[in-house]
Amino acid sequence: MTEDQMREAMLKDAKEIRKRTQLRDGQSQSLKQNMAVDYNAGGRDVKPETKEIIALANKGVDRDTICRRMTFKGYSRKKTLHTLVRHSDKIKKR
């Protein structure tokens, strides 16, 4: 099999995969095969860490305690405070 034939076969296979995906999902987007393991389709707002920060804030835990707890999960103080500010509309005032 020559390089041209191989290239044509690969293109044909890719088109078939794209068609199957479109039929399955109803979308014309290609398959996302090269995604990171920790990828969240909903963006940073549905990360478990973000949800935990919001839940802790709704329970009435103060900012310093939240920052200390999130430090163990790899969140810096600045990142935690930024998340609290970004989601201030979801946090109930007490």
C-alpha atoms as a PDB file:
ATOM      1  CA  MET A   1       0.000   0.000   0.000  1.00  0.00           C
ATOM      2  CA  THR A   2       1.497   3.321  -1.036  1.00  0.00           C
ATOM      3  CA  GLU A   3       1.475   6.469   1.070  1.00  0.00           C
ATOM      4  CA  ASP A   4      -1.281   8.021  -1.052  1.00  0.00           C
ATOM      5  CA  GLN A   5      -3.489   4.972  -0.660  1.00  0.00           C
ATOM      6  CA  MET A   6      -2.807   4.923   3.076  1.00  0.00           C
ATOM      7  CA  ARG A   7      -3.701   8.622   3.354  1.00  0.00           C
ATOM      8  CA  GLU A   8      -6.939   8.092   1.414  1.00  0.00           C
ATOM      9  CA  ALA A   9      -7.883   5.131   3.600  1.00  0.00           C
ATOM     10  CA  MET A  10      -7.238   7.151   6.762  1.00  0.00           C
ATOM     11  CA  LEU A  11      -9.343  10.072   5.488  1.00  0.00           C
ATOM     12  CA  LYS A  12     -12.172   7.733   4.559  1.00  0.00           C
ATOM     13  CA  ASP A  13     -12.033   6.128   8.005  1.00  0.00           C
ATOM     14  CA  ALA A  14     -12.051   9.533   9.711  1.00  0.00           C
ATOM     15  CA  LYS A  15     -15.106  10.608   7.700  1.00  0.00           C
ATOM     16  CA  GLU A  16     -16.949   7.434   8.686  1.00  0.00           C
ATOM     17  CA  ILE A  17     -16.136   7.988  12.352  1.00  0.00           C
ATOM     18  CA  ARG A  18     -17.348  11.598  12.102  1.00  0.00           C
ATOM     19  CA  LYS A  19     -20.618  10.450  10.481  1.00  0.00           C
ATOM     20  CA  ARG A  20     -21.208   7.840  13.192  1.00  0.00           C
ATOM     21  CA  THR A  21     -20.562  10.456  15.850  1.00  0.00           C
ATOM     22  CA  GLN A  22     -22.964  12.868  14.213  1.00  0.00           C
ATOM     23  CA  LEU A  23     -25.677  10.213  14.041  1.00  0.00           C
ATOM     24  CA  ARG A  24     -25.082   9.206  17.652  1.00  0.00           C
ATOM     25  CA  ASP A  25     -24.825  12.686  19.187  1.00  0.00           C
ATOM     26  CA  GLY A  26     -26.767  14.738  16.700  1.00  0.00           C
ATOM     27  CA  GLN A  27     -23.776  17.028  16.379  1.00  0.00           C
ATOM     28  CA  SER A  28     -21.233  17.752  13.733  1.00  0.00           C
ATOM     29  CA  GLN A  29     -18.433  18.108  16.281  1.00  0.00           C
ATOM     30  CA  SER A  30     -15.602  15.682  15.952  1.00  0.00           C
ATOM     31  CA  LEU A  31     -14.793  13.298  18.751  1.00  0.00           C
ATOM     32  CA  LYS A  32     -12.742  14.788  21.540  1.00  0.00           C
ATOM     33  CA  GLN A  33     -10.176  12.051  21.909  1.00  0.00           C
ATOM     34  CA  ASN A  34      -7.206  13.984  23.254  1.00  0.00           C
ATOM     35  CA  MET A  35      -8.734  15.296  26.452  1.00  0.00           C
ATOM     36  CA  ALA A  36      -7.079  15.572  29.828  1.00  0.00           C
ATOM     37  CA  VAL A  37      -8.070  13.113  32.522  1.00  0.00           C
ATOM     38  CA  ASP A  38      -9.368  15.858  34.806  1.00  0.00           C
ATOM     39  CA  TYR A  39     -11.331  17.661  32.075  1.00  0.00           C
ATOM     40  CA  ASN A  40     -14.752  18.945  33.159  1.00  0.00           C
ATOM     41  CA  ALA A  41     -17.194  19.486  30.333  1.00  0.00           C
ATOM     42  CA  GLY A  42     -19.033  22.166  32.274  1.00  0.00           C
ATOM     43  CA  GLY A  43     -15.937  24.263  32.801  1.00  0.00           C
ATOM     44  CA  ARG A  44     -14.519  25.465  36.068  1.00  0.00           C
ATOM     45  CA  ASP A  45     -17.966  26.038  37.578  1.00  0.00           C
ATOM     46  CA  VAL A  46     -18.691  22.314  37.926  1.00  0.00           C
ATOM     47  CA  LYS A  47     -15.337  21.305  39.361  1.00  0.00           C
ATOM     48  CA  PRO A  48     -15.769  19.407  42.626  1.00  0.00           C
ATOM     49  CA  GLU A  49     -13.490  21.900  44.384  1.00  0.00           C
ATOM     50  CA  THR A  50     -15.682  24.820  43.306  1.00  0.00           C
ATOM     51  CA  LYS A  51     -18.806  23.016  44.486  1.00  0.00           C
ATOM     52  CA  GLU A  52     -17.143  22.298  47.815  1.00  0.00           C
ATOM     53  CA  ILE A  53     -16.144  25.949  48.278  1.00  0.00           C
ATOM     54  CA  ILE A  54     -19.724  27.071  47.597  1.00  0.00           C
ATOM     55  CA  ALA A  55     -21.151  24.426  49.948  1.00  0.00           C
ATOM     56  CA  LEU A  56     -18.781  25.414  52.755  1.00  0.00           C
ATOM     57  CA  ALA A  57     -19.621  29.089  52.287  1.00  0.00           C
ATOM     58  CA  ASN A  58     -23.345  28.296  52.404  1.00  0.00           C
ATOM     59  CA  LYS A  59     -22.822  26.418  55.682  1.00  0.00           C
ATOM     60  CA  GLY A  60     -21.406  29.598  57.164  1.00  0.00           C
ATOM     61  CA  VAL A  61     -17.747  28.576  57.339  1.00  0.00           C
ATOM     62  CA  ASP A  62     -15.446  31.611  57.383  1.00  0.00           C
ATOM     63  CA  ARG A  63     -13.021  32.396  54.550  1.00  0.00           C
ATOM     64  CA  ASP A  64      -9.845  31.509  56.451  1.00  0.00           C
ATOM     65  CA  THR A  65     -11.129  28.025  57.260  1.00  0.00           C
ATOM     66  CA  ILE A  66     -12.192  27.468  53.650  1.00  0.00           C
ATOM     67  CA  CYS A  67      -8.770  28.640  52.416  1.00  0.00           C
ATOM     68  CA  ARG A  68      -6.975  26.352  54.873  1.00  0.00           C
ATOM     69  CA  ARG A  69      -9.093  23.366  53.836  1.00  0.00           C
ATOM     70  CA  MET A  70      -8.650  23.986  50.102  1.00  0.00           C
ATOM     71  CA  THR A  71      -4.874  24.339  50.529  1.00  0.00           C
ATOM     72  CA  PHE A  72      -4.753  20.589  51.132  1.00  0.00           C
ATOM     73  CA  LYS A  73      -6.423  20.069  47.746  1.00  0.00           C
ATOM     74  CA  GLY A  74      -3.905  22.213  45.891  1.00  0.00           C
ATOM     75  CA  TYR A  75      -5.820  25.489  45.845  1.00  0.00           C
ATOM     76  CA  SER A  76      -3.897  28.619  46.767  1.00  0.00           C
ATOM     77  CA  ARG A  77      -5.484  31.233  49.012  1.00  0.00           C
ATOM     78  CA  LYS A  78      -5.766  33.622  46.072  1.00  0.00           C
ATOM     79  CA  LYS A  79      -7.498  31.019  43.898  1.00  0.00           C
ATOM     80  CA  THR A  80      -9.952  30.130  46.671  1.00  0.00           C
ATOM     81  CA  LEU A  81     -10.821  33.765  47.359  1.00  0.00           C
ATOM     82  CA  HIS A  82     -11.226  34.397  43.628  1.00  0.00           C
ATOM     83  CA  THR A  83     -13.667  31.467  43.443  1.00  0.00           C
ATOM     84  CA  LEU A  84     -15.624  32.860  46.397  1.00  0.00           C
ATOM     85  CA  VAL A  85     -15.911  36.256  44.721  1.00  0.00           C
ATOM     86  CA  ARG A  86     -16.850  34.749  41.354  1.00  0.00           C
ATOM     87  CA  HIS A  87     -19.681  32.735  42.935  1.00  0.00           C
ATOM     88  CA  SER A  88     -20.855  35.320  45.460  1.00  0.00           C
ATOM     89  CA  ASP A  89     -24.299  35.304  43.829  1.00  0.00           C
ATOM     90  CA  LYS A  90     -24.706  31.588  44.677  1.00  0.00           C
ATOM     91  CA  ILE A  91     -23.713  32.047  48.310  1.00  0.00           C
ATOM     92  CA  LYS A  92     -26.563  32.828  50.693  1.00  0.00           C
ATOM     93  CA  LYS A  93     -25.988  35.794  52.967  1.00  0.00           C
ATOM     94  CA  ARG A  94     -26.339  35.090  56.681  1.00  0.00           C
END
